[in-house]
């Protein structure tokens, strides 16, 4: 998929989310509409950071572009199911134990700080413990076998590197869900708003991946914007302990500002570096 075509699909999915958001405003009111918008922006920004990791995983294993699509399709399907489970569990736990929100707040602050200072490399991804565990359960072939997840050789069933990548991506989505679900709880605990904002953020991921795959060098500072959003949502949850509630309008504004600033800075600095290299 070309960058131009992928970008059109990204805009289509974002437009669909905004139309849905308008429907929430009409039928449920201003507050739920703002909650959906805030949740959507949080989940979309966290999903972008997740996609950067996907790019690193595919690059580490040398997976060709034509085979990446199948992994992405299964990965997105798995994400839809996992998010539903996490949302239902999370809402149930928060309703039973309100103090869990403060724990979520601390987790988000720690996750955001770690994201700022943590630099993954391709070797670290390829040497992941998940891949090593998979190798102990089932033998893995040395090379990719087309778009197959499993092959049989000499009557022995082997997993392919493509399946190993799928497992790694599904596992990383679980890790990201641990951050993303608590983050949206800083905006709302309404199961409908939480899940639908997650769904709309995930639906356009495949197209977003192909955009970032071609332009990820220009957006490398977005990671820090996402980290700051995590810290902010963590603080927003933590201050509830002192009966301090940050208005939803201010929250959405801060999240938009941080994300937009990180994108603008990424484009500006990548452009300057390109000029310096050419000079």
Protein backbone atom coordinates (compact mmCIF):
# COMPACT_ATOMS: atom_id res chain seq x y z
CA UNK A 1 0.00 0.00 0.00
CA UNK A 2 1.41 3.41 -0.99
CA UNK A 3 1.81 6.12 1.64
CA UNK A 4 -0.79 8.29 -0.13
CA UNK A 5 -3.39 5.50 -0.22
CA UNK A 6 -2.66 4.47 3.37
CA UNK A 7 -3.03 8.09 4.50
CA UNK A 8 -6.44 8.30 2.80
CA UNK A 9 -7.58 5.21 4.74
CA UNK A 10 -6.25 6.68 7.98
CA UNK A 11 -8.29 9.83 7.37
CA UNK A 12 -11.33 7.70 6.51
CA UNK A 13 -11.18 5.84 9.85
CA UNK A 14 -10.57 9.05 11.79
CA UNK A 15 -13.51 10.64 9.98
CA UNK A 16 -15.69 7.65 10.86
CA UNK A 17 -14.67 8.01 14.52
CA UNK A 18 -15.60 11.71 14.46
CA UNK A 19 -19.00 10.92 12.92
CA UNK A 20 -19.58 8.37 15.69
CA UNK A 21 -18.47 11.01 18.18
CA UNK A 22 -21.07 13.39 16.74
CA UNK A 23 -23.70 10.68 17.20
CA UNK A 24 -22.71 10.37 20.87
CA UNK A 25 -23.05 14.16 21.23
CA UNK A 26 -26.54 14.09 19.69
CA UNK A 27 -27.88 11.09 21.61
CA UNK A 28 -25.90 11.16 24.88
CA UNK A 29 -24.79 14.77 25.32
CA UNK A 30 -21.67 16.92 25.50
CA UNK A 31 -19.89 15.21 28.41
CA UNK A 32 -19.92 11.65 26.93
CA UNK A 33 -18.89 13.10 23.55
CA UNK A 34 -15.87 14.82 25.11
CA UNK A 35 -15.04 11.61 26.99
CA UNK A 36 -15.10 9.63 23.74
CA UNK A 37 -12.92 12.23 21.98
CA UNK A 38 -10.41 12.27 24.83
CA UNK A 39 -10.37 8.48 25.00
CA UNK A 40 -9.97 8.17 21.23
CA UNK A 41 -7.00 10.56 21.16
CA UNK A 42 -5.33 8.76 24.08
CA UNK A 43 -5.81 5.33 22.51
CA UNK A 44 -4.77 6.50 19.04
CA UNK A 45 -1.57 8.08 20.38
CA UNK A 46 -0.71 4.95 22.37
CA UNK A 47 -1.48 2.82 19.30
CA UNK A 48 0.98 4.89 17.26
CA UNK A 49 3.73 4.07 19.75
CA UNK A 50 2.69 0.42 19.55
CA UNK A 51 3.09 0.54 15.76
CA UNK A 52 6.66 1.83 16.09
CA UNK A 53 7.40 -1.36 18.01
CA UNK A 54 5.71 -3.42 15.26
CA UNK A 55 8.03 -1.80 12.71
CA UNK A 56 11.01 -2.74 14.87
CA UNK A 57 9.79 -6.35 15.26
CA UNK A 58 9.27 -6.85 11.51
CA UNK A 59 12.63 -5.26 10.77
CA UNK A 60 14.39 -7.43 13.35
CA UNK A 61 13.05 -10.65 11.81
CA UNK A 62 13.44 -9.47 8.22
CA UNK A 63 9.75 -10.00 7.40
CA UNK A 64 8.89 -8.80 3.89
CA UNK A 65 6.10 -6.27 3.43
CA UNK A 66 3.77 -8.71 1.63
CA UNK A 67 3.86 -11.07 4.63
CA UNK A 68 3.40 -8.32 7.21
CA UNK A 69 -0.23 -7.76 6.19
CA UNK A 70 -1.37 -11.19 7.41
CA UNK A 71 0.30 -10.72 10.79
CA UNK A 72 -1.23 -7.26 11.12
CA UNK A 73 -4.73 -8.60 10.32
CA UNK A 74 -4.49 -11.31 12.98
CA UNK A 75 -2.84 -8.88 15.38
CA UNK A 76 -5.65 -6.34 15.05
CA UNK A 77 -8.30 -9.06 15.47
CA UNK A 78 -6.53 -10.25 18.60
CA UNK A 79 -6.33 -6.66 19.89
CA UNK A 80 -10.11 -6.20 19.50
CA UNK A 81 -10.77 -9.30 21.60
CA UNK A 82 -8.10 -8.52 24.20
CA UNK A 83 -9.30 -4.94 24.66
CA UNK A 84 -12.88 -6.12 25.27
CA UNK A 85 -11.64 -8.49 27.98
CA UNK A 86 -9.44 -5.79 29.55
CA UNK A 87 -12.23 -3.20 29.46
CA UNK A 88 -14.77 -5.49 31.12
CA UNK A 89 -12.27 -6.63 33.75
CA UNK A 90 -11.02 -3.09 34.34
CA UNK A 91 -14.47 -1.53 34.75
CA UNK A 92 -15.55 -4.34 37.08
CA UNK A 93 -12.45 -3.94 39.24
CA UNK A 94 -12.75 -0.13 39.37
CA UNK A 95 -16.44 -0.34 40.34
CA UNK A 96 -15.60 -2.79 43.14
CA UNK A 97 -12.39 -1.10 44.33
CA UNK A 98 -12.26 2.61 43.50
CA UNK A 99 -8.79 2.95 45.02
CA UNK A 100 -7.43 0.86 42.12
CA UNK A 101 -7.55 4.09 40.07
CA UNK A 102 -4.72 5.46 42.23
CA UNK A 103 -2.69 2.31 41.54
CA UNK A 104 -3.39 2.74 37.82
CA UNK A 105 -2.20 6.33 38.12
CA UNK A 106 1.13 5.26 39.61
CA UNK A 107 1.57 2.57 36.93
CA UNK A 108 0.97 5.12 34.15
CA UNK A 109 3.45 7.62 35.59
CA UNK A 110 6.12 4.92 35.89
CA UNK A 111 5.35 3.64 32.35
CA UNK A 112 5.62 7.16 30.92
CA UNK A 113 8.96 7.85 32.62
CA UNK A 114 10.32 4.47 31.48
CA UNK A 115 9.21 5.17 27.91
CA UNK A 116 11.18 8.43 27.88
CA UNK A 117 14.43 6.79 28.97
CA UNK A 118 14.02 3.32 27.44
CA UNK A 119 15.57 2.67 24.02
CA UNK A 120 14.76 -0.73 22.48
CA UNK A 121 16.99 -2.08 19.75
CA UNK A 122 16.41 -4.75 17.12
CA UNK A 123 18.58 -7.34 18.87
CA UNK A 124 16.64 -6.91 22.12
CA UNK A 125 13.39 -7.56 20.24
CA UNK A 126 14.70 -10.65 18.46
CA UNK A 127 16.16 -12.06 21.69
CA UNK A 128 12.86 -11.60 23.53
CA UNK A 129 12.04 -14.13 26.26
CA UNK A 130 8.71 -14.80 24.51
CA UNK A 131 10.54 -16.03 21.41
CA UNK A 132 12.85 -18.20 23.52
CA UNK A 133 9.87 -19.76 25.32
CA UNK A 134 8.14 -20.45 21.98
CA UNK A 135 11.30 -22.23 20.78
CA UNK A 136 11.08 -24.58 23.77
CA UNK A 137 7.44 -25.43 23.04
CA UNK A 138 7.71 -25.99 19.28
CA UNK A 139 10.70 -25.95 16.89
CA UNK A 140 10.97 -22.79 14.78
CA UNK A 141 12.32 -22.75 11.21
CA UNK A 142 15.35 -20.62 10.38
CA UNK A 143 13.65 -18.80 7.53
CA UNK A 144 10.23 -17.47 6.58
CA UNK A 145 8.08 -19.97 4.67
CA UNK A 146 5.96 -17.56 2.63
CA UNK A 147 2.91 -16.38 4.59
CA UNK A 148 2.62 -19.67 6.51
CA UNK A 149 2.59 -19.79 10.31
CA UNK A 150 3.34 -23.54 10.42
CA UNK A 151 5.08 -26.04 8.12
CA UNK A 152 5.65 -29.77 8.37
CA UNK A 153 9.13 -31.17 7.63
CA UNK A 154 9.98 -34.86 7.95
CA UNK A 155 6.63 -35.36 9.71
CA UNK A 156 7.61 -32.79 12.37
CA UNK A 157 5.51 -29.66 12.81
CA UNK A 158 7.52 -26.41 12.83
CA UNK A 159 6.44 -22.86 13.61
CA UNK A 160 7.80 -20.23 11.23
CA UNK A 161 9.36 -16.87 12.16
CA UNK A 162 6.08 -15.31 10.98
CA UNK A 163 4.21 -17.11 13.77
CA UNK A 164 6.90 -16.07 16.25
CA UNK A 165 6.37 -12.45 15.20
CA UNK A 166 2.57 -12.83 15.60
CA UNK A 167 3.03 -14.16 19.16
CA UNK A 168 5.41 -11.32 19.99
CA UNK A 169 3.00 -8.71 18.60
CA UNK A 170 0.02 -10.17 20.50
CA UNK A 171 2.07 -10.20 23.70
CA UNK A 172 3.19 -6.58 23.24
CA UNK A 173 -0.46 -5.61 22.70
CA UNK A 174 -1.26 -7.10 26.12
CA UNK A 175 1.50 -4.94 27.60
CA UNK A 176 0.17 -1.85 25.83
CA UNK A 177 -3.39 -2.64 26.97
CA UNK A 178 -2.11 -2.56 30.57
CA UNK A 179 -1.20 1.09 29.89
CA UNK A 180 -3.99 2.13 27.54
CA UNK A 181 -7.02 0.91 29.52
CA UNK A 182 -5.97 2.62 32.78
CA UNK A 183 -5.11 5.74 30.74
CA UNK A 184 -8.64 6.04 29.37
CA UNK A 185 -10.00 5.53 32.91
CA UNK A 186 -8.58 9.00 33.59
CA UNK A 187 -11.26 10.26 31.19
CA UNK A 188 -14.20 7.89 31.85
CA UNK A 189 -15.14 4.50 33.28
CA UNK A 190 -18.24 4.14 31.09
CA UNK A 191 -17.74 0.68 29.44
CA UNK A 192 -19.44 1.82 26.21
CA UNK A 193 -17.20 4.89 25.82
CA UNK A 194 -14.05 3.01 26.86
CA UNK A 195 -14.55 0.13 24.43
CA UNK A 196 -15.85 2.09 21.43
CA UNK A 197 -12.99 4.62 21.65
CA UNK A 198 -10.59 1.66 21.78
CA UNK A 199 -12.24 0.02 18.79
CA UNK A 200 -12.12 3.14 16.61
CA UNK A 201 -8.49 3.73 17.59
CA UNK A 202 -7.60 0.16 16.57
CA UNK A 203 -9.63 -0.06 13.33
CA UNK A 204 -7.31 2.15 11.30
CA UNK A 205 -4.10 0.64 12.66
CA UNK A 206 -3.17 -1.32 9.53
CA UNK A 207 -3.32 1.79 7.35
CA UNK A 208 -1.53 3.82 10.01
CA UNK A 209 1.21 1.19 10.08
CA UNK A 210 1.96 1.64 6.37
CA UNK A 211 2.08 5.43 6.82
CA UNK A 212 4.51 5.16 9.73
CA UNK A 213 6.46 2.41 7.98
CA UNK A 214 7.42 4.88 5.27
CA UNK A 215 7.66 8.00 7.42
CA UNK A 216 8.65 6.73 10.89
CA UNK A 217 11.97 8.62 10.83
CA UNK A 218 9.96 11.86 10.65
CA UNK A 219 7.86 10.98 13.70
CA UNK A 220 10.48 9.67 16.11
CA UNK A 221 9.74 12.34 18.76
CA UNK A 222 6.09 11.25 18.97
CA UNK A 223 7.28 8.59 21.45
CA UNK A 224 8.06 11.35 23.96
CA UNK A 225 4.68 12.97 23.42
CA UNK A 226 2.98 9.63 24.13
CA UNK A 227 5.13 9.24 27.26
CA UNK A 228 4.05 12.68 28.50
CA UNK A 229 0.40 11.78 27.84
CA UNK A 230 0.86 8.65 29.97
CA UNK A 231 2.40 10.72 32.77
CA UNK A 232 -0.41 13.29 32.54
CA UNK A 233 -3.17 10.67 32.67
CA UNK A 234 -1.35 9.03 35.59
CA UNK A 235 -1.25 12.32 37.47
CA UNK A 236 -4.93 12.92 36.61
CA UNK A 237 -5.86 9.60 38.23
CA UNK A 238 -3.51 10.06 41.20
CA UNK A 239 -4.82 13.50 42.23
CA UNK A 240 -8.31 12.01 42.59
CA UNK A 241 -6.97 10.77 45.92
CA UNK A 242 -7.06 14.41 47.06
CA UNK A 243 -10.51 15.06 45.55
CA UNK A 244 -8.93 17.05 42.70
CA UNK A 245 -10.67 16.45 39.38
CA UNK A 246 -9.17 17.91 36.20
CA UNK A 247 -12.04 18.99 33.89
CA UNK A 248 -12.54 16.83 30.80
CA UNK A 249 -12.28 19.89 28.50
CA UNK A 250 -8.85 20.77 29.94
CA UNK A 251 -7.72 17.11 29.75
CA UNK A 252 -8.64 16.80 26.07
CA UNK A 253 -6.94 20.13 25.33
CA UNK A 254 -3.70 19.10 27.05
CA UNK A 255 -3.64 15.70 25.31
CA UNK A 256 -4.25 17.31 21.90
CA UNK A 257 -1.55 19.92 22.56
CA UNK A 258 1.09 17.40 23.66
CA UNK A 259 0.43 15.03 20.75
CA UNK A 260 0.31 17.82 18.15
CA UNK A 261 3.49 19.42 19.55
CA UNK A 262 5.40 16.13 19.40
CA UNK A 263 4.34 15.62 15.75
CA UNK A 264 5.30 19.18 14.78
CA UNK A 265 8.67 18.95 16.55
CA UNK A 266 9.33 15.60 14.87
CA UNK A 267 8.68 17.03 11.40
CA UNK A 268 10.73 20.19 12.08
CA UNK A 269 13.76 18.40 13.53
CA UNK A 270 13.74 15.63 10.90
CA UNK A 271 13.62 18.33 8.20
CA UNK A 272 16.57 20.18 9.73
CA UNK A 273 18.63 17.00 10.02
CA UNK A 274 17.91 16.21 6.37
CA UNK A 275 19.09 19.70 5.35
CA UNK A 276 22.27 19.32 7.41
CA UNK A 277 23.05 15.94 5.78
CA UNK A 278 22.44 17.35 2.30
CA UNK A 279 24.60 20.38 3.11
